[in-house]
Amino acid sequence: MKSYTFLFLLLATFLYPFQNLNFEENLDKAYQNAKKGIYWALDNIPRDKKKLDNDLIFDDNLIARIDLYKEVEGVRVVSVGYYETYSITIEIYRSYESLEKDKKVSSR
């Protein structure tokens, strides 16, 4: 019985770093998907609507859920990135001035 317990503890301590690495990779993938949602929203700001919500789907998997709100001096974007069972939320605010500056710089 003691040998099985020792063997289990030895295997558990050996495999724990790999589980932690997998956790970090999955969080990074969810974060990247949330960033994809932010970029999509900033490229697709509607002229007439005050609110936009959309889902990004790739190969029947939900990548990101995006909510864009037009406010007085800019836009607020909330993007939830998904990867397997992980989800990460990013919320940003961009003023109309900074969006115009970005368009001028990117068009050069």
N, C-alpha and C. Protein backbone atom coordinates (compact mmCIF):
# COMPACT_ATOMS: atom_id res chain seq x y z
N MET A 1 0.82 -1.20 0.00
CA MET A 1 0.00 0.00 0.00
C MET A 1 0.87 1.26 0.00
N LYS A 2 1.93 1.23 0.82
CA LYS A 2 2.82 2.39 0.88
C LYS A 2 3.54 2.62 -0.44
N SER A 3 3.86 1.53 -1.13
CA SER A 3 4.57 1.68 -2.41
C SER A 3 3.66 2.32 -3.46
N TYR A 4 2.37 1.99 -3.44
CA TYR A 4 1.44 2.61 -4.38
C TYR A 4 1.26 4.10 -4.08
N THR A 5 1.20 4.44 -2.83
CA THR A 5 1.06 5.84 -2.44
C THR A 5 2.31 6.63 -2.85
N PHE A 6 3.47 6.04 -2.62
CA PHE A 6 4.72 6.70 -3.01
C PHE A 6 4.79 6.87 -4.52
N LEU A 7 4.41 5.84 -5.26
CA LEU A 7 4.41 5.90 -6.72
C LEU A 7 3.45 6.97 -7.23
N PHE A 8 2.28 7.04 -6.63
CA PHE A 8 1.29 8.06 -7.02
C PHE A 8 1.83 9.46 -6.75
N LEU A 9 2.41 9.68 -5.59
CA LEU A 9 2.96 11.00 -5.27
C LEU A 9 4.12 11.37 -6.18
N LEU A 10 4.92 10.41 -6.53
CA LEU A 10 6.04 10.65 -7.44
C LEU A 10 5.53 11.06 -8.82
N LEU A 11 4.54 10.34 -9.33
CA LEU A 11 3.97 10.67 -10.64
C LEU A 11 3.25 12.02 -10.61
N ALA A 12 2.55 12.30 -9.53
CA ALA A 12 1.81 13.56 -9.43
C ALA A 12 2.76 14.75 -9.42
N THR A 13 3.87 14.64 -8.70
CA THR A 13 4.83 15.77 -8.67
C THR A 13 5.55 15.90 -9.99
N PHE A 14 5.72 14.79 -10.73
CA PHE A 14 6.36 14.86 -12.03
C PHE A 14 5.44 15.49 -13.07
N LEU A 15 4.16 15.18 -13.03
CA LEU A 15 3.21 15.66 -14.04
C LEU A 15 2.66 17.05 -13.76
N TYR A 16 2.77 17.55 -12.53
CA TYR A 16 2.20 18.86 -12.19
C TYR A 16 2.75 20.00 -13.05
N PRO A 17 4.06 20.10 -13.30
CA PRO A 17 4.53 21.21 -14.16
C PRO A 17 3.94 21.17 -15.57
N PHE A 18 3.70 19.97 -16.10
CA PHE A 18 3.11 19.88 -17.44
C PHE A 18 1.66 20.35 -17.45
N GLN A 19 0.94 20.08 -16.37
CA GLN A 19 -0.43 20.57 -16.28
C GLN A 19 -0.45 22.08 -16.20
N ASN A 20 0.49 22.66 -15.46
CA ASN A 20 0.56 24.11 -15.33
C ASN A 20 0.91 24.74 -16.67
N LEU A 21 1.80 24.14 -17.43
CA LEU A 21 2.17 24.65 -18.74
C LEU A 21 0.96 24.62 -19.67
N ASN A 22 0.20 23.54 -19.64
CA ASN A 22 -1.00 23.42 -20.45
C ASN A 22 -2.02 24.49 -20.06
N PHE A 23 -2.14 24.78 -18.78
CA PHE A 23 -3.03 25.83 -18.29
C PHE A 23 -2.63 27.19 -18.88
N GLU A 24 -1.34 27.50 -18.85
CA GLU A 24 -0.85 28.77 -19.40
C GLU A 24 -1.12 28.86 -20.91
N GLU A 25 -0.89 27.78 -21.62
CA GLU A 25 -1.12 27.78 -23.07
C GLU A 25 -2.59 27.99 -23.39
N ASN A 26 -3.47 27.35 -22.64
CA ASN A 26 -4.90 27.51 -22.88
C ASN A 26 -5.37 28.92 -22.57
N LEU A 27 -4.83 29.52 -21.50
CA LEU A 27 -5.16 30.92 -21.19
C LEU A 27 -4.67 31.84 -22.30
N ASP A 28 -3.47 31.60 -22.81
CA ASP A 28 -2.94 32.42 -23.89
C ASP A 28 -3.81 32.33 -25.14
N LYS A 29 -4.28 31.14 -25.45
CA LYS A 29 -5.15 30.96 -26.63
C LYS A 29 -6.48 31.69 -26.45
N ALA A 30 -7.04 31.63 -25.25
CA ALA A 30 -8.28 32.36 -24.98
C ALA A 30 -8.04 33.87 -25.08
N TYR A 31 -6.88 34.33 -24.58
CA TYR A 31 -6.53 35.75 -24.66
C TYR A 31 -6.36 36.19 -26.12
N GLN A 32 -5.71 35.37 -26.93
CA GLN A 32 -5.55 35.69 -28.35
C GLN A 32 -6.90 35.78 -29.05
N ASN A 33 -7.82 34.90 -28.70
CA ASN A 33 -9.15 34.95 -29.30
C ASN A 33 -9.91 36.20 -28.87
N ALA A 34 -9.72 36.63 -27.63
CA ALA A 34 -10.35 37.88 -27.17
C ALA A 34 -9.78 39.07 -27.94
N LYS A 35 -8.47 39.05 -28.20
CA LYS A 35 -7.86 40.13 -28.99
C LYS A 35 -8.39 40.15 -30.42
N LYS A 36 -8.63 38.98 -30.99
CA LYS A 36 -9.21 38.91 -32.34
C LYS A 36 -10.58 39.60 -32.35
N GLY A 37 -11.34 39.41 -31.29
CA GLY A 37 -12.64 40.08 -31.18
C GLY A 37 -12.50 41.58 -31.10
N ILE A 38 -11.51 42.08 -30.36
CA ILE A 38 -11.26 43.53 -30.25
C ILE A 38 -10.92 44.09 -31.63
N TYR A 39 -10.00 43.43 -32.33
CA TYR A 39 -9.60 43.92 -33.66
C TYR A 39 -10.78 43.90 -34.63
N TRP A 40 -11.59 42.85 -34.58
CA TRP A 40 -12.75 42.78 -35.46
C TRP A 40 -13.70 43.94 -35.17
N ALA A 41 -13.95 44.21 -33.89
CA ALA A 41 -14.90 45.27 -33.52
C ALA A 41 -14.39 46.64 -33.97
N LEU A 42 -13.10 46.90 -33.79
CA LEU A 42 -12.56 48.20 -34.18
C LEU A 42 -12.55 48.39 -35.69
N ASP A 43 -12.49 47.30 -36.44
CA ASP A 43 -12.56 47.39 -37.90
C ASP A 43 -13.99 47.48 -38.42
N ASN A 44 -14.97 47.19 -37.59
CA ASN A 44 -16.37 47.13 -38.03
C ASN A 44 -17.28 48.01 -37.19
N ILE A 45 -16.86 49.23 -36.89
CA ILE A 45 -17.70 50.15 -36.12
C ILE A 45 -18.84 50.64 -37.02
N PRO A 46 -20.08 50.42 -36.62
CA PRO A 46 -21.20 50.83 -37.47
C PRO A 46 -21.41 52.34 -37.41
N ARG A 47 -21.91 52.90 -38.50
CA ARG A 47 -22.17 54.34 -38.54
C ARG A 47 -23.49 54.69 -37.85
N ASP A 48 -24.52 53.89 -38.05
CA ASP A 48 -25.85 54.25 -37.58
C ASP A 48 -26.23 53.63 -36.24
N LYS A 49 -25.75 52.46 -35.96
CA LYS A 49 -26.16 51.78 -34.73
C LYS A 49 -25.37 52.28 -33.52
N LYS A 50 -26.02 52.26 -32.38
CA LYS A 50 -25.35 52.64 -31.13
C LYS A 50 -24.75 51.43 -30.43
N LYS A 51 -25.22 50.24 -30.80
CA LYS A 51 -24.73 49.02 -30.17
C LYS A 51 -24.60 47.94 -31.22
N LEU A 52 -23.55 47.16 -31.09
CA LEU A 52 -23.32 46.05 -32.00
C LEU A 52 -22.88 44.85 -31.17
N ASP A 53 -23.48 43.70 -31.42
CA ASP A 53 -22.99 42.48 -30.78
C ASP A 53 -22.87 41.41 -31.84
N ASN A 54 -21.81 40.63 -31.71
CA ASN A 54 -21.51 39.63 -32.73
C ASN A 54 -20.73 38.49 -32.10
N ASP A 55 -20.80 37.34 -32.73
CA ASP A 55 -20.01 36.18 -32.32
C ASP A 55 -19.07 35.83 -33.45
N LEU A 56 -17.81 35.60 -33.13
CA LEU A 56 -16.85 35.09 -34.11
C LEU A 56 -16.80 33.58 -33.96
N ILE A 57 -17.05 32.88 -35.06
CA ILE A 57 -17.11 31.42 -35.04
C ILE A 57 -16.17 30.89 -36.12
N PHE A 58 -15.36 29.90 -35.75
CA PHE A 58 -14.45 29.27 -36.69
C PHE A 58 -14.54 27.75 -36.50
N ASP A 59 -14.82 27.03 -37.55
CA ASP A 59 -14.97 25.57 -37.50
C ASP A 59 -15.95 25.13 -36.43
N ASP A 60 -17.09 25.76 -36.38
CA ASP A 60 -18.16 25.45 -35.42
C ASP A 60 -17.75 25.63 -33.96
N ASN A 61 -16.70 26.41 -33.72
CA ASN A 61 -16.28 26.74 -32.35
C ASN A 61 -16.41 28.23 -32.13
N LEU A 62 -16.96 28.60 -31.00
CA LEU A 62 -17.08 30.01 -30.65
C LEU A 62 -15.70 30.53 -30.26
N ILE A 63 -15.21 31.51 -31.00
CA ILE A 63 -13.89 32.09 -30.75
C ILE A 63 -14.02 33.27 -29.80
N ALA A 64 -14.96 34.18 -30.11
CA ALA A 64 -15.12 35.38 -29.29
C ALA A 64 -16.55 35.89 -29.38
N ARG A 65 -16.99 36.51 -28.32
CA ARG A 65 -18.28 37.20 -28.28
C ARG A 65 -17.96 38.67 -28.07
N ILE A 66 -18.49 39.53 -28.96
CA ILE A 66 -18.12 40.94 -28.97
C ILE A 66 -19.35 41.80 -28.74
N ASP A 67 -19.20 42.80 -27.88
CA ASP A 67 -20.20 43.85 -27.69
C ASP A 67 -19.50 45.18 -27.89
N LEU A 68 -20.05 46.01 -28.78
CA LEU A 68 -19.50 47.33 -29.05
C LEU A 68 -20.58 48.36 -28.74
N TYR A 69 -20.21 49.36 -27.96
CA TYR A 69 -21.15 50.42 -27.57
C TYR A 69 -20.57 51.76 -27.99
N LYS A 70 -21.37 52.54 -28.71
CA LYS A 70 -20.95 53.90 -29.02
C LYS A 70 -21.30 54.79 -27.84
N GLU A 71 -20.32 55.57 -27.41
CA GLU A 71 -20.52 56.48 -26.29
C GLU A 71 -20.29 57.90 -26.77
N VAL A 72 -20.32 58.86 -25.86
CA VAL A 72 -20.28 60.28 -26.22
C VAL A 72 -19.02 60.63 -27.01
N GLU A 73 -17.87 60.25 -26.52
CA GLU A 73 -16.62 60.65 -27.18
C GLU A 73 -15.83 59.48 -27.76
N GLY A 74 -16.45 58.32 -27.87
CA GLY A 74 -15.71 57.17 -28.40
C GLY A 74 -16.54 55.91 -28.38
N VAL A 75 -15.84 54.79 -28.39
CA VAL A 75 -16.49 53.49 -28.38
C VAL A 75 -15.92 52.64 -27.25
N ARG A 76 -16.77 51.79 -26.71
CA ARG A 76 -16.35 50.82 -25.70
C ARG A 76 -16.58 49.44 -26.28
N VAL A 77 -15.55 48.61 -26.21
CA VAL A 77 -15.62 47.25 -26.76
C VAL A 77 -15.38 46.26 -25.63
N VAL A 78 -16.27 45.28 -25.55
CA VAL A 78 -16.11 44.18 -24.61
C VAL A 78 -16.01 42.91 -25.44
N SER A 79 -14.90 42.21 -25.29
CA SER A 79 -14.68 40.98 -26.04
C SER A 79 -14.37 39.85 -25.06
N VAL A 80 -15.09 38.76 -25.22
CA VAL A 80 -14.84 37.57 -24.41
C VAL A 80 -14.26 36.52 -25.34
N GLY A 81 -13.00 36.14 -25.10
CA GLY A 81 -12.35 35.12 -25.90
C GLY A 81 -12.51 33.76 -25.26
N TYR A 82 -12.73 32.75 -26.10
CA TYR A 82 -12.96 31.39 -25.61
C TYR A 82 -11.94 30.44 -26.21
N TYR A 83 -11.52 29.50 -25.40
CA TYR A 83 -10.74 28.36 -25.89
C TYR A 83 -11.04 27.18 -24.98
N GLU A 84 -11.62 26.15 -25.55
CA GLU A 84 -12.07 24.97 -24.80
C GLU A 84 -12.93 25.43 -23.62
N THR A 85 -12.51 25.20 -22.38
CA THR A 85 -13.34 25.60 -21.23
C THR A 85 -12.88 26.92 -20.63
N TYR A 86 -11.94 27.59 -21.25
CA TYR A 86 -11.39 28.84 -20.73
C TYR A 86 -12.05 30.03 -21.40
N SER A 87 -12.21 31.12 -20.65
CA SER A 87 -12.71 32.36 -21.23
C SER A 87 -12.01 33.53 -20.55
N ILE A 88 -11.70 34.54 -21.36
CA ILE A 88 -11.05 35.75 -20.88
C ILE A 88 -11.80 36.94 -21.46
N THR A 89 -12.06 37.94 -20.60
CA THR A 89 -12.78 39.15 -21.02
C THR A 89 -11.81 40.32 -21.08
N ILE A 90 -11.87 41.03 -22.20
CA ILE A 90 -11.11 42.27 -22.37
C ILE A 90 -12.11 43.38 -22.64
N GLU A 91 -11.97 44.49 -21.94
CA GLU A 91 -12.83 45.65 -22.16
C GLU A 91 -11.94 46.86 -22.39
N ILE A 92 -12.16 47.54 -23.52
CA ILE A 92 -11.35 48.73 -23.84
C ILE A 92 -12.28 49.89 -24.19
N TYR A 93 -11.72 51.08 -24.07
CA TYR A 93 -12.39 52.30 -24.52
C TYR A 93 -11.44 53.01 -25.46
N ARG A 94 -11.94 53.41 -26.62
CA ARG A 94 -11.14 54.17 -27.58
C ARG A 94 -11.90 55.42 -27.95
N SER A 95 -11.22 56.55 -27.87
CA SER A 95 -11.85 57.81 -28.26
C SER A 95 -11.86 57.91 -29.78
N TYR A 96 -12.76 58.74 -30.29
CA TYR A 96 -12.82 58.93 -31.75
C TYR A 96 -11.54 59.56 -32.27
N GLU A 97 -10.90 60.42 -31.46
CA GLU A 97 -9.62 61.03 -31.88
C GLU A 97 -8.56 59.97 -32.09
N SER A 98 -8.44 59.05 -31.14
CA SER A 98 -7.40 58.03 -31.28
C SER A 98 -7.70 57.08 -32.45
N LEU A 99 -8.96 56.83 -32.72
CA LEU A 99 -9.32 56.00 -33.87
C LEU A 99 -8.95 56.69 -35.18
N GLU A 100 -9.17 58.00 -35.26
CA GLU A 100 -8.79 58.74 -36.46
C GLU A 100 -7.28 58.76 -36.65
N LYS A 101 -6.54 58.95 -35.55
CA LYS A 101 -5.07 58.94 -35.64
C LYS A 101 -4.58 57.59 -36.12
N ASP A 102 -5.17 56.51 -35.64
CA ASP A 102 -4.76 55.17 -36.07
C ASP A 102 -5.03 54.96 -37.55
N LYS A 103 -6.14 55.49 -38.06
CA LYS A 103 -6.46 55.32 -39.47
C LYS A 103 -5.47 56.09 -40.34
N LYS A 104 -5.07 57.31 -39.91
CA LYS A 104 -4.10 58.09 -40.67
C LYS A 104 -2.74 57.43 -40.69
N VAL A 105 -2.33 56.86 -39.59
CA VAL A 105 -1.02 56.20 -39.52
C VAL A 105 -1.04 54.92 -40.35
N SER A 106 -2.11 54.15 -40.29
CA SER A 106 -2.15 52.89 -41.03
C SER A 106 -2.31 53.10 -42.54
N SER A 107 -2.83 54.25 -42.96
CA SER A 107 -3.01 54.49 -44.39
C SER A 107 -1.72 54.99 -45.06
N ARG A 108 -0.73 55.31 -44.29
CA ARG A 108 0.55 55.77 -44.90
C ARG A 108 1.37 54.65 -45.40
